[in-house]
Amino acid sequence: MNDTDRRVVLTVILTGQSGSPASYALFQNYPNPFNPTTLIPYSLPVPSRVKLSIYDLIGRLVLVLVDEAQNAGTRSVSWNARNVASGMYYCRMEAAALDDPGRSFSGVRKLAVVR
């Protein structure tokens, strides 16, 4: 291989973008699997009523992490699972725009608690 055969790979990472997110999203928690704490990130394009809940595998409500009106933006909530058994859980996010309740979102992510 000579000098003319070399290639450069450039990776661009955008940070600190201004403005509100373009859409609702419930992102995958990290770390996953986790013990005992994880962060669950989500985004709201407009001020919204948000409910973020944790369920076990058979659908029983374990905990409500968020249940309030929030401004638009990207944020995360921490879950400390020290009081639950190892296993799989579901995180469900429900959100509705404050000025247009017909504009809503529902999403689910799988979380793994390991001991």
C-alpha atoms as a PDB file:
ATOM      1  CA  MET A   1       0.000   0.000   0.000  1.00  0.00           C
ATOM      2  CA  ASN A   2       1.384   3.396  -0.892  1.00  0.00           C
ATOM      3  CA  ASP A   3       0.396   6.906   0.207  1.00  0.00           C
ATOM      4  CA  THR A   4      -2.099   7.349  -2.641  1.00  0.00           C
ATOM      5  CA  ASP A   5      -4.127   4.298  -1.472  1.00  0.00           C
ATOM      6  CA  ARG A   6      -4.895   5.708   1.973  1.00  0.00           C
ATOM      7  CA  ARG A   7      -8.402   6.876   2.734  1.00  0.00           C
ATOM      8  CA  VAL A   8      -9.661   9.199   5.409  1.00  0.00           C
ATOM      9  CA  VAL A   9     -12.936   8.552   7.189  1.00  0.00           C
ATOM     10  CA  LEU A  10     -14.517  11.620   8.747  1.00  0.00           C
ATOM     11  CA  THR A  11     -17.228  11.227  11.381  1.00  0.00           C
ATOM     12  CA  VAL A  12     -19.347  14.260  12.240  1.00  0.00           C
ATOM     13  CA  ILE A  13     -21.272  14.345  15.500  1.00  0.00           C
ATOM     14  CA  LEU A  14     -23.801  17.151  15.883  1.00  0.00           C
ATOM     15  CA  THR A  15     -24.354  18.367  19.410  1.00  0.00           C
ATOM     16  CA  GLY A  16     -26.172  21.249  20.984  1.00  0.00           C
ATOM     17  CA  GLN A  17     -28.767  21.591  18.247  1.00  0.00           C
ATOM     18  CA  SER A  18     -31.106  24.456  18.948  1.00  0.00           C
ATOM     19  CA  GLY A  19     -34.870  24.319  18.804  1.00  0.00           C
ATOM     20  CA  SER A  20     -37.395  21.668  19.688  1.00  0.00           C
ATOM     21  CA  PRO A  21     -37.278  18.078  18.448  1.00  0.00           C
ATOM     22  CA  ALA A  22     -39.228  17.470  15.238  1.00  0.00           C
ATOM     23  CA  SER A  23     -41.306  14.618  16.670  1.00  0.00           C
ATOM     24  CA  TYR A  24     -42.205  12.623  19.756  1.00  0.00           C
ATOM     25  CA  ALA A  25     -39.791   9.816  20.613  1.00  0.00           C
ATOM     26  CA  LEU A  26     -39.086   7.322  23.362  1.00  0.00           C
ATOM     27  CA  PHE A  27     -35.462   6.260  23.008  1.00  0.00           C
ATOM     28  CA  GLN A  28     -33.840   3.078  24.284  1.00  0.00           C
ATOM     29  CA  ASN A  29     -32.663   3.307  27.864  1.00  0.00           C
ATOM     30  CA  TYR A  30     -28.954   3.161  28.662  1.00  0.00           C
ATOM     31  CA  PRO A  31     -27.272   1.218  29.920  1.00  0.00           C
ATOM     32  CA  ASN A  32     -29.380  -1.798  29.007  1.00  0.00           C
ATOM     33  CA  PRO A  33     -29.140  -4.288  30.630  1.00  0.00           C
ATOM     34  CA  PHE A  34     -28.591  -2.365  33.853  1.00  0.00           C
ATOM     35  CA  ASN A  35     -28.103  -2.732  37.617  1.00  0.00           C
ATOM     36  CA  PRO A  36     -29.590  -0.853  39.391  1.00  0.00           C
ATOM     37  CA  THR A  37     -29.939   2.518  37.576  1.00  0.00           C
ATOM     38  CA  THR A  38     -30.689   3.454  33.968  1.00  0.00           C
ATOM     39  CA  LEU A  39     -31.572   6.611  32.034  1.00  0.00           C
ATOM     40  CA  ILE A  40     -34.640   6.708  29.791  1.00  0.00           C
ATOM     41  CA  PRO A  41     -34.424   9.507  27.198  1.00  0.00           C
ATOM     42  CA  TYR A  42     -37.417  10.940  25.331  1.00  0.00           C
ATOM     43  CA  SER A  43     -38.352  13.976  23.272  1.00  0.00           C
ATOM     44  CA  LEU A  44     -41.374  16.238  22.977  1.00  0.00           C
ATOM     45  CA  PRO A  45     -41.857  18.489  19.929  1.00  0.00           C
ATOM     46  CA  VAL A  46     -44.426  20.694  21.716  1.00  0.00           C
ATOM     47  CA  PRO A  47     -45.507  21.267  25.341  1.00  0.00           C
ATOM     48  CA  SER A  48     -47.250  18.032  26.311  1.00  0.00           C
ATOM     49  CA  ARG A  49     -48.845  16.027  29.081  1.00  0.00           C
ATOM     50  CA  VAL A  50     -46.423  13.121  29.620  1.00  0.00           C
ATOM     51  CA  LYS A  51     -46.842   9.813  31.414  1.00  0.00           C
ATOM     52  CA  LEU A  52     -43.886   7.436  31.611  1.00  0.00           C
ATOM     53  CA  SER A  53     -44.623   4.113  33.322  1.00  0.00           C
ATOM     54  CA  ILE A  54     -42.794   0.843  34.026  1.00  0.00           C
ATOM     55  CA  TYR A  55     -44.613  -2.505  33.649  1.00  0.00           C
ATOM     56  CA  ASP A  56     -43.555  -6.083  34.341  1.00  0.00           C
ATOM     57  CA  LEU A  57     -43.770  -8.814  31.698  1.00  0.00           C
ATOM     58  CA  ILE A  58     -47.376  -9.698  32.488  1.00  0.00           C
ATOM     59  CA  GLY A  59     -48.489  -6.087  32.273  1.00  0.00           C
ATOM     60  CA  ARG A  60     -48.698  -5.124  35.944  1.00  0.00           C
ATOM     61  CA  LEU A  61     -47.858  -1.496  36.670  1.00  0.00           C
ATOM     62  CA  VAL A  62     -44.606  -1.324  38.658  1.00  0.00           C
ATOM     63  CA  LEU A  63     -43.992   2.422  38.842  1.00  0.00           C
ATOM     64  CA  VAL A  64     -44.994   5.737  37.285  1.00  0.00           C
ATOM     65  CA  LEU A  65     -41.813   7.744  36.657  1.00  0.00           C
ATOM     66  CA  VAL A  66     -43.386  10.870  35.102  1.00  0.00           C
ATOM     67  CA  ASP A  67     -46.975  12.117  35.101  1.00  0.00           C
ATOM     68  CA  GLU A  68     -47.025  15.846  34.380  1.00  0.00           C
ATOM     69  CA  ALA A  69     -47.113  18.588  31.780  1.00  0.00           C
ATOM     70  CA  GLN A  70     -43.679  19.348  30.327  1.00  0.00           C
ATOM     71  CA  ASN A  71     -42.240  21.857  27.881  1.00  0.00           C
ATOM     72  CA  ALA A  72     -40.956  20.819  24.471  1.00  0.00           C
ATOM     73  CA  GLY A  73     -37.443  19.418  24.379  1.00  0.00           C
ATOM     74  CA  THR A  74     -35.318  16.346  24.830  1.00  0.00           C
ATOM     75  CA  ARG A  75     -34.930  15.033  28.353  1.00  0.00           C
ATOM     76  CA  SER A  76     -34.302  11.853  30.312  1.00  0.00           C
ATOM     77  CA  VAL A  77     -35.533  10.317  33.524  1.00  0.00           C
ATOM     78  CA  SER A  78     -33.576   7.984  35.792  1.00  0.00           C
ATOM     79  CA  TRP A  79     -34.999   4.716  37.121  1.00  0.00           C
ATOM     80  CA  ASN A  80     -33.404   3.050  40.127  1.00  0.00           C
ATOM     81  CA  ALA A  81     -34.636  -0.558  39.999  1.00  0.00           C
ATOM     82  CA  ARG A  82     -33.062  -1.713  43.276  1.00  0.00           C
ATOM     83  CA  ASN A  83     -36.478  -2.734  44.642  1.00  0.00           C
ATOM     84  CA  VAL A  84     -37.528  -4.985  41.738  1.00  0.00           C
ATOM     85  CA  ALA A  85     -36.496  -8.497  40.726  1.00  0.00           C
ATOM     86  CA  SER A  86     -34.125  -9.235  37.880  1.00  0.00           C
ATOM     87  CA  GLY A  87     -35.876  -9.642  34.575  1.00  0.00           C
ATOM     88  CA  MET A  88     -37.496  -7.887  31.649  1.00  0.00           C
ATOM     89  CA  TYR A  89     -39.662  -4.807  32.050  1.00  0.00           C
ATOM     90  CA  TYR A  90     -41.453  -2.456  29.672  1.00  0.00           C
ATOM     91  CA  CYS A  91     -41.321   1.319  29.695  1.00  0.00           C
ATOM     92  CA  ARG A  92     -44.365   2.982  28.146  1.00  0.00           C
ATOM     93  CA  MET A  93     -44.574   6.642  27.248  1.00  0.00           C
ATOM     94  CA  GLU A  94     -47.874   8.363  26.522  1.00  0.00           C
ATOM     95  CA  ALA A  95     -47.882  12.029  25.532  1.00  0.00           C
ATOM     96  CA  ALA A  96     -50.443  14.491  24.208  1.00  0.00           C
ATOM     97  CA  ALA A  97     -49.929  18.069  23.077  1.00  0.00           C
ATOM     98  CA  LEU A  98     -51.363  20.568  25.563  1.00  0.00           C
ATOM     99  CA  ASP A  99     -52.810  22.776  22.812  1.00  0.00           C
ATOM    100  CA  ASP A 100     -54.068  19.882  20.646  1.00  0.00           C
ATOM    101  CA  PRO A 101     -54.855  16.666  22.602  1.00  0.00           C
ATOM    102  CA  GLY A 102     -55.501  14.953  19.261  1.00  0.00           C
ATOM    103  CA  ARG A 103     -51.758  15.176  18.596  1.00  0.00           C
ATOM    104  CA  SER A 104     -50.524  12.305  20.699  1.00  0.00           C
ATOM    105  CA  PHE A 105     -47.847   9.633  20.963  1.00  0.00           C
ATOM    106  CA  SER A 106     -47.475   6.229  22.556  1.00  0.00           C
ATOM    107  CA  GLY A 107     -44.278   4.190  22.581  1.00  0.00           C
ATOM    108  CA  VAL A 108     -42.846   1.172  24.403  1.00  0.00           C
ATOM    109  CA  ARG A 109     -39.261   0.013  25.068  1.00  0.00           C
ATOM    110  CA  LYS A 110     -37.972  -3.173  26.669  1.00  0.00           C
ATOM    111  CA  LEU A 111     -35.616  -2.853  29.662  1.00  0.00           C
ATOM    112  CA  ALA A 112     -33.528  -5.590  31.301  1.00  0.00           C
ATOM    113  CA  VAL A 113     -32.651  -5.549  35.009  1.00  0.00           C
ATOM    114  CA  VAL A 114     -29.727  -7.861  35.861  1.00  0.00           C
ATOM    115  CA  ARG A 115     -28.277  -8.702  39.243  1.00  0.00           C
END
